[in-house]
């Protein structure tokens, strides 16, 4: 997922491999955090709550997604 011109740089393969390991570590951390939140959301005593004003990006993403789902072809 890099421009072809970058692949000609000396050491590109090593740099790409190191970046891949960092991204994988971040992804694994996110999976753990998401799994914990999901467990909390599905706990027996949990009720739906409101988003905090600090979570505007989540609200924006949800609205974007709803708009995409409402269109026939998603474009």
N, C-alpha and C. Protein backbone atom coordinates (compact mmCIF):
# COMPACT_ATOMS: atom_id res chain seq x y z
N UNK A 1 0.83 -1.18 0.00
CA UNK A 1 0.00 0.00 0.00
C UNK A 1 0.87 1.24 0.00
N UNK A 2 2.03 1.13 -0.60
CA UNK A 2 2.94 2.26 -0.73
C UNK A 2 3.09 2.60 -2.20
N UNK A 3 3.32 3.86 -2.50
CA UNK A 3 3.58 4.21 -3.90
C UNK A 3 4.79 3.43 -4.43
N UNK A 4 4.72 3.02 -5.67
CA UNK A 4 5.80 2.23 -6.26
C UNK A 4 7.15 2.93 -6.15
N UNK A 5 7.16 4.23 -6.24
CA UNK A 5 8.43 4.97 -6.17
C UNK A 5 9.12 4.72 -4.83
N UNK A 6 8.37 4.50 -3.77
CA UNK A 6 8.97 4.27 -2.45
C UNK A 6 9.67 2.92 -2.36
N UNK A 7 9.17 1.95 -3.12
CA UNK A 7 9.75 0.61 -3.03
C UNK A 7 11.19 0.57 -3.53
N UNK A 8 11.61 1.58 -4.25
CA UNK A 8 12.99 1.63 -4.75
C UNK A 8 13.96 2.16 -3.70
N UNK A 9 13.46 2.72 -2.63
CA UNK A 9 14.35 3.26 -1.58
C UNK A 9 15.14 2.14 -0.93
N UNK A 10 16.37 2.45 -0.60
CA UNK A 10 17.22 1.48 0.09
C UNK A 10 16.62 1.16 1.46
N UNK A 11 16.49 -0.10 1.77
CA UNK A 11 15.96 -0.52 3.07
C UNK A 11 14.45 -0.49 3.16
N UNK A 12 13.78 -0.30 2.01
CA UNK A 12 12.32 -0.20 2.04
C UNK A 12 11.67 -1.42 2.67
N UNK A 13 12.12 -2.62 2.29
CA UNK A 13 11.50 -3.84 2.81
C UNK A 13 11.58 -3.91 4.33
N UNK A 14 12.71 -3.53 4.88
CA UNK A 14 12.88 -3.57 6.34
C UNK A 14 11.98 -2.54 7.01
N UNK A 15 11.93 -1.35 6.44
CA UNK A 15 11.07 -0.30 7.00
C UNK A 15 9.61 -0.74 6.94
N UNK A 16 9.19 -1.28 5.82
CA UNK A 16 7.80 -1.73 5.67
C UNK A 16 7.48 -2.84 6.67
N UNK A 17 8.43 -3.74 6.89
CA UNK A 17 8.23 -4.82 7.85
C UNK A 17 8.08 -4.28 9.26
N UNK A 18 8.91 -3.31 9.62
CA UNK A 18 8.83 -2.71 10.97
C UNK A 18 7.51 -1.97 11.15
N UNK A 19 7.09 -1.25 10.14
CA UNK A 19 5.81 -0.54 10.22
C UNK A 19 4.67 -1.54 10.37
N UNK A 20 4.75 -2.63 9.65
CA UNK A 20 3.73 -3.67 9.74
C UNK A 20 3.61 -4.22 11.16
N UNK A 21 4.75 -4.42 11.82
CA UNK A 21 4.73 -4.93 13.20
C UNK A 21 4.11 -3.91 14.15
N UNK A 22 4.40 -2.63 13.95
CA UNK A 22 3.82 -1.58 14.80
C UNK A 22 2.31 -1.52 14.60
N UNK A 23 1.87 -1.53 13.35
CA UNK A 23 0.43 -1.47 13.06
C UNK A 23 -0.28 -2.70 13.65
N UNK A 24 0.35 -3.87 13.54
CA UNK A 24 -0.25 -5.07 14.11
C UNK A 24 -0.38 -4.96 15.62
N UNK A 25 0.64 -4.43 16.28
CA UNK A 25 0.58 -4.26 17.74
C UNK A 25 -0.56 -3.32 18.13
N UNK A 26 -0.71 -2.23 17.39
CA UNK A 26 -1.79 -1.28 17.67
C UNK A 26 -3.14 -1.96 17.45
N UNK A 27 -3.25 -2.72 16.38
CA UNK A 27 -4.50 -3.41 16.08
C UNK A 27 -4.85 -4.39 17.19
N UNK A 28 -3.89 -5.16 17.65
CA UNK A 28 -4.14 -6.12 18.72
C UNK A 28 -4.60 -5.42 20.00
N UNK A 29 -3.99 -4.27 20.28
CA UNK A 29 -4.40 -3.50 21.46
C UNK A 29 -5.84 -3.02 21.31
N UNK A 30 -6.19 -2.56 20.11
CA UNK A 30 -7.55 -2.09 19.87
C UNK A 30 -8.56 -3.23 20.01
N UNK A 31 -8.20 -4.41 19.54
CA UNK A 31 -9.10 -5.56 19.65
C UNK A 31 -9.39 -5.85 21.13
N UNK A 32 -8.35 -5.82 21.96
CA UNK A 32 -8.54 -6.06 23.39
C UNK A 32 -9.45 -5.03 24.02
N UNK A 33 -9.25 -3.76 23.67
CA UNK A 33 -10.09 -2.70 24.23
C UNK A 33 -11.53 -2.83 23.75
N UNK A 34 -11.71 -3.13 22.48
CA UNK A 34 -13.05 -3.26 21.93
C UNK A 34 -13.78 -4.46 22.54
N UNK A 35 -13.07 -5.56 22.71
CA UNK A 35 -13.69 -6.73 23.33
C UNK A 35 -14.17 -6.43 24.75
N UNK A 36 -13.39 -5.65 25.48
CA UNK A 36 -13.77 -5.29 26.85
C UNK A 36 -15.02 -4.41 26.85
N UNK A 37 -15.06 -3.44 25.95
CA UNK A 37 -16.24 -2.57 25.84
C UNK A 37 -17.47 -3.41 25.46
N UNK A 38 -17.30 -4.31 24.50
CA UNK A 38 -18.42 -5.15 24.06
C UNK A 38 -18.97 -5.99 25.22
N UNK A 39 -18.08 -6.54 26.03
CA UNK A 39 -18.53 -7.30 27.19
C UNK A 39 -19.35 -6.42 28.13
N UNK A 40 -18.88 -5.20 28.35
CA UNK A 40 -19.61 -4.27 29.22
C UNK A 40 -20.97 -3.91 28.66
N UNK A 41 -21.03 -3.70 27.35
CA UNK A 41 -22.30 -3.36 26.72
C UNK A 41 -23.31 -4.49 26.78
N UNK A 42 -22.82 -5.69 26.88
CA UNK A 42 -23.71 -6.86 26.93
C UNK A 42 -23.90 -7.40 28.34
N UNK A 43 -23.44 -6.67 29.33
CA UNK A 43 -23.63 -7.11 30.72
C UNK A 43 -25.12 -7.06 31.06
N UNK A 44 -25.59 -7.95 31.92
CA UNK A 44 -27.02 -8.05 32.22
C UNK A 44 -27.67 -6.76 32.72
N UNK A 45 -26.96 -5.95 33.46
CA UNK A 45 -27.57 -4.74 34.03
C UNK A 45 -27.31 -3.48 33.20
N UNK A 46 -26.75 -3.63 32.01
CA UNK A 46 -26.39 -2.47 31.18
C UNK A 46 -27.60 -1.95 30.43
N UNK A 47 -27.72 -0.62 30.42
CA UNK A 47 -28.76 0.05 29.63
C UNK A 47 -28.07 0.97 28.64
N UNK A 48 -28.76 1.27 27.55
CA UNK A 48 -28.21 2.19 26.57
C UNK A 48 -28.10 3.58 27.18
N UNK A 49 -27.02 4.26 26.91
CA UNK A 49 -26.82 5.61 27.41
C UNK A 49 -26.55 6.59 26.29
N UNK A 50 -26.39 7.81 26.66
CA UNK A 50 -26.10 8.86 25.68
C UNK A 50 -24.60 9.00 25.49
N UNK A 51 -24.22 9.49 24.30
CA UNK A 51 -22.82 9.80 24.06
C UNK A 51 -22.44 11.07 24.80
N UNK A 52 -21.23 11.16 25.22
CA UNK A 52 -20.70 12.36 25.84
C UNK A 52 -20.48 13.42 24.75
N UNK A 53 -20.57 14.71 25.09
CA UNK A 53 -20.22 15.76 24.12
C UNK A 53 -18.79 15.62 23.60
N UNK A 54 -17.95 14.89 24.33
CA UNK A 54 -16.57 14.68 23.90
C UNK A 54 -16.48 13.62 22.81
N UNK A 55 -17.58 12.94 22.52
CA UNK A 55 -17.59 11.85 21.54
C UNK A 55 -18.24 12.27 20.22
N UNK A 56 -17.99 13.51 19.80
CA UNK A 56 -18.61 14.05 18.59
C UNK A 56 -18.24 13.21 17.36
N UNK A 57 -17.01 12.73 17.28
CA UNK A 57 -16.58 11.95 16.12
C UNK A 57 -17.42 10.68 15.97
N UNK A 58 -17.79 10.06 17.08
CA UNK A 58 -18.62 8.87 17.03
C UNK A 58 -20.00 9.21 16.47
N UNK A 59 -20.56 10.32 16.91
CA UNK A 59 -21.86 10.78 16.43
C UNK A 59 -21.78 11.07 14.93
N UNK A 60 -20.71 11.75 14.50
CA UNK A 60 -20.56 12.07 13.08
C UNK A 60 -20.43 10.80 12.25
N UNK A 61 -19.64 9.85 12.73
CA UNK A 61 -19.48 8.59 12.00
C UNK A 61 -20.80 7.84 11.92
N UNK A 62 -21.54 7.77 13.00
CA UNK A 62 -22.83 7.08 13.00
C UNK A 62 -23.79 7.72 12.00
N UNK A 63 -23.81 9.04 11.95
CA UNK A 63 -24.69 9.72 11.00
C UNK A 63 -24.26 9.48 9.56
N UNK A 64 -22.94 9.48 9.31
CA UNK A 64 -22.44 9.17 7.98
C UNK A 64 -22.88 7.77 7.57
N UNK A 65 -22.72 6.81 8.49
CA UNK A 65 -23.07 5.42 8.22
C UNK A 65 -24.57 5.28 7.94
N UNK A 66 -25.40 5.96 8.73
CA UNK A 66 -26.84 5.90 8.51
C UNK A 66 -27.21 6.47 7.14
N UNK A 67 -26.56 7.55 6.73
CA UNK A 67 -26.81 8.12 5.40
C UNK A 67 -26.43 7.13 4.31
N UNK A 68 -25.29 6.47 4.47
CA UNK A 68 -24.85 5.49 3.48
C UNK A 68 -25.82 4.31 3.41
N UNK A 69 -26.32 3.88 4.54
CA UNK A 69 -27.25 2.76 4.57
C UNK A 69 -28.59 3.13 3.97
N UNK A 70 -28.95 4.42 4.03
CA UNK A 70 -30.24 4.87 3.53
C UNK A 70 -30.27 5.00 2.01
N UNK A 71 -29.10 5.14 1.38
CA UNK A 71 -29.06 5.26 -0.06
C UNK A 71 -29.11 3.87 -0.68
N UNK A 72 -29.65 3.80 -1.86
CA UNK A 72 -29.83 2.49 -2.50
C UNK A 72 -28.52 1.80 -2.80
N UNK A 73 -27.54 2.54 -3.33
CA UNK A 73 -26.28 1.89 -3.70
C UNK A 73 -25.13 2.20 -2.76
N UNK A 74 -25.33 3.02 -1.75
CA UNK A 74 -24.29 3.32 -0.78
C UNK A 74 -23.26 4.33 -1.23
N UNK A 75 -23.46 4.93 -2.44
CA UNK A 75 -22.50 5.92 -2.94
C UNK A 75 -22.84 7.32 -2.53
